[in-house]
């Protein structure tokens, strides 16, 4: 068993540069910062969901259901946002609002 592990470690291509743990941490930190600042802005323009709502929902889903739930946090948030906008704000409150995914805001009759 030990020979197999040694064989896998020694099969690494020596021409490839080795990266240190510090370099990996810096790159990971940069990606996380860029993603946390840039993605809400992109999503806000594409889906019209407030960026703060999206960030809070991602954090809440992560805390409540674990790290893998963060993947589903944005789509579920968009779904809930559209449902609340259409069913509550438009139909119950009778306000004219734009709903993400529709070309124009429609007033209820």
Protein backbone atom coordinates (compact mmCIF):
# COMPACT_ATOMS: atom_id res chain seq x y z
CA UNK A 1 0.00 0.00 0.00
CA UNK A 2 2.79 2.41 0.89
CA UNK A 3 4.51 1.75 -2.46
CA UNK A 4 1.40 2.85 -4.35
CA UNK A 5 1.23 6.15 -2.50
CA UNK A 6 4.91 6.78 -3.13
CA UNK A 7 4.46 5.93 -6.82
CA UNK A 8 1.62 8.48 -7.14
CA UNK A 9 3.65 11.22 -5.49
CA UNK A 10 6.71 10.58 -7.62
CA UNK A 11 4.71 10.55 -10.87
CA UNK A 12 4.25 14.33 -10.67
CA UNK A 13 5.73 16.22 -13.61
CA UNK A 14 8.88 17.98 -12.30
CA UNK A 15 8.65 20.72 -14.95
CA UNK A 16 5.45 22.08 -13.39
CA UNK A 17 6.00 24.78 -10.78
CA UNK A 18 5.00 23.97 -7.23
CA UNK A 19 2.61 26.36 -5.55
CA UNK A 20 2.80 27.03 -1.88
CA UNK A 21 -0.09 27.01 0.54
CA UNK A 22 0.24 30.78 0.89
CA UNK A 23 -0.10 31.30 -2.87
CA UNK A 24 -3.14 29.03 -2.95
CA UNK A 25 -4.69 30.92 -0.04
CA UNK A 26 -4.09 34.30 -1.71
CA UNK A 27 -5.66 33.16 -4.99
CA UNK A 28 -8.63 31.66 -3.16
CA UNK A 29 -9.10 34.86 -1.18
CA UNK A 30 -8.97 36.99 -4.35
CA UNK A 31 -11.54 34.79 -6.09
CA UNK A 32 -13.83 34.90 -3.05
CA UNK A 33 -13.62 38.69 -2.76
CA UNK A 34 -14.22 39.24 -6.46
CA UNK A 35 -17.11 36.79 -6.49
CA UNK A 36 -18.71 38.29 -3.40
CA UNK A 37 -18.48 41.84 -4.79
CA UNK A 38 -19.06 41.26 -8.51
CA UNK A 39 -21.67 38.50 -8.61
CA UNK A 40 -24.41 40.42 -6.75
CA UNK A 41 -24.00 43.34 -9.16
CA UNK A 42 -24.29 41.04 -12.18
CA UNK A 43 -27.27 39.22 -10.70
CA UNK A 44 -28.98 42.49 -9.81
CA UNK A 45 -28.77 43.63 -13.43
CA UNK A 46 -29.80 40.28 -14.90
CA UNK A 47 -32.60 39.37 -12.50
CA UNK A 48 -33.42 42.67 -10.75
CA UNK A 49 -33.06 41.13 -7.30
CA UNK A 50 -31.44 43.48 -4.77
CA UNK A 51 -27.81 42.45 -4.17
CA UNK A 52 -28.17 42.63 -0.38
CA UNK A 53 -31.09 40.20 -0.51
CA UNK A 54 -29.04 37.78 -2.61
CA UNK A 55 -26.03 37.95 -0.28
CA UNK A 56 -28.16 37.49 2.82
CA UNK A 57 -29.96 34.53 1.29
CA UNK A 58 -26.69 32.83 0.32
CA UNK A 59 -25.35 33.28 3.84
CA UNK A 60 -28.64 32.14 5.41
CA UNK A 61 -28.87 29.04 3.20
CA UNK A 62 -25.25 28.21 3.97
CA UNK A 63 -25.77 28.53 7.71
CA UNK A 64 -29.08 26.68 7.74
CA UNK A 65 -28.38 23.82 5.34
CA UNK A 66 -24.60 23.66 4.89
CA UNK A 67 -22.14 24.62 2.19
CA UNK A 68 -23.72 22.71 -0.67
CA UNK A 69 -27.00 24.58 -0.17
CA UNK A 70 -25.25 27.79 -1.24
CA UNK A 71 -25.39 26.53 -4.82
CA UNK A 72 -29.19 26.49 -4.70
CA UNK A 73 -29.58 29.70 -2.70
CA UNK A 74 -29.61 32.11 -5.66
CA UNK A 75 -32.18 30.24 -7.81
CA UNK A 76 -34.47 29.69 -4.82
CA UNK A 77 -34.16 33.35 -3.84
CA UNK A 78 -35.07 34.47 -7.36
CA UNK A 79 -38.06 32.11 -7.36
CA UNK A 80 -39.30 33.40 -3.99
CA UNK A 81 -38.70 37.02 -5.04
CA UNK A 82 -40.78 36.58 -8.20
CA UNK A 83 -43.55 34.77 -6.31
CA UNK A 84 -43.77 37.48 -3.66
CA UNK A 85 -43.67 40.22 -6.29
CA UNK A 86 -46.39 38.65 -8.45
CA UNK A 87 -48.68 37.15 -5.83
CA UNK A 88 -48.41 39.66 -3.02
CA UNK A 89 -47.30 43.03 -4.33
CA UNK A 90 -49.08 42.91 -7.68
CA UNK A 91 -52.21 40.87 -6.92
CA UNK A 92 -52.86 41.65 -3.25
CA UNK A 93 -51.59 45.22 -2.96
CA UNK A 94 -52.59 46.09 -6.58
CA UNK A 95 -49.37 47.95 -7.28
CA UNK A 96 -47.78 48.14 -10.69
CA UNK A 97 -44.33 46.55 -10.35
CA UNK A 98 -41.82 45.05 -12.73
CA UNK A 99 -41.31 41.32 -12.31
CA UNK A 100 -37.99 39.76 -13.29
CA UNK A 101 -38.46 37.82 -16.51
CA UNK A 102 -41.34 39.88 -17.86
CA UNK A 103 -40.80 42.50 -20.53
CA UNK A 104 -42.93 45.20 -18.87
CA UNK A 105 -44.86 45.74 -15.67
CA UNK A 106 -48.52 44.84 -15.97
CA UNK A 107 -51.17 46.45 -13.85
CA UNK A 108 -53.82 44.16 -12.44
CA UNK A 109 -57.38 44.64 -13.70
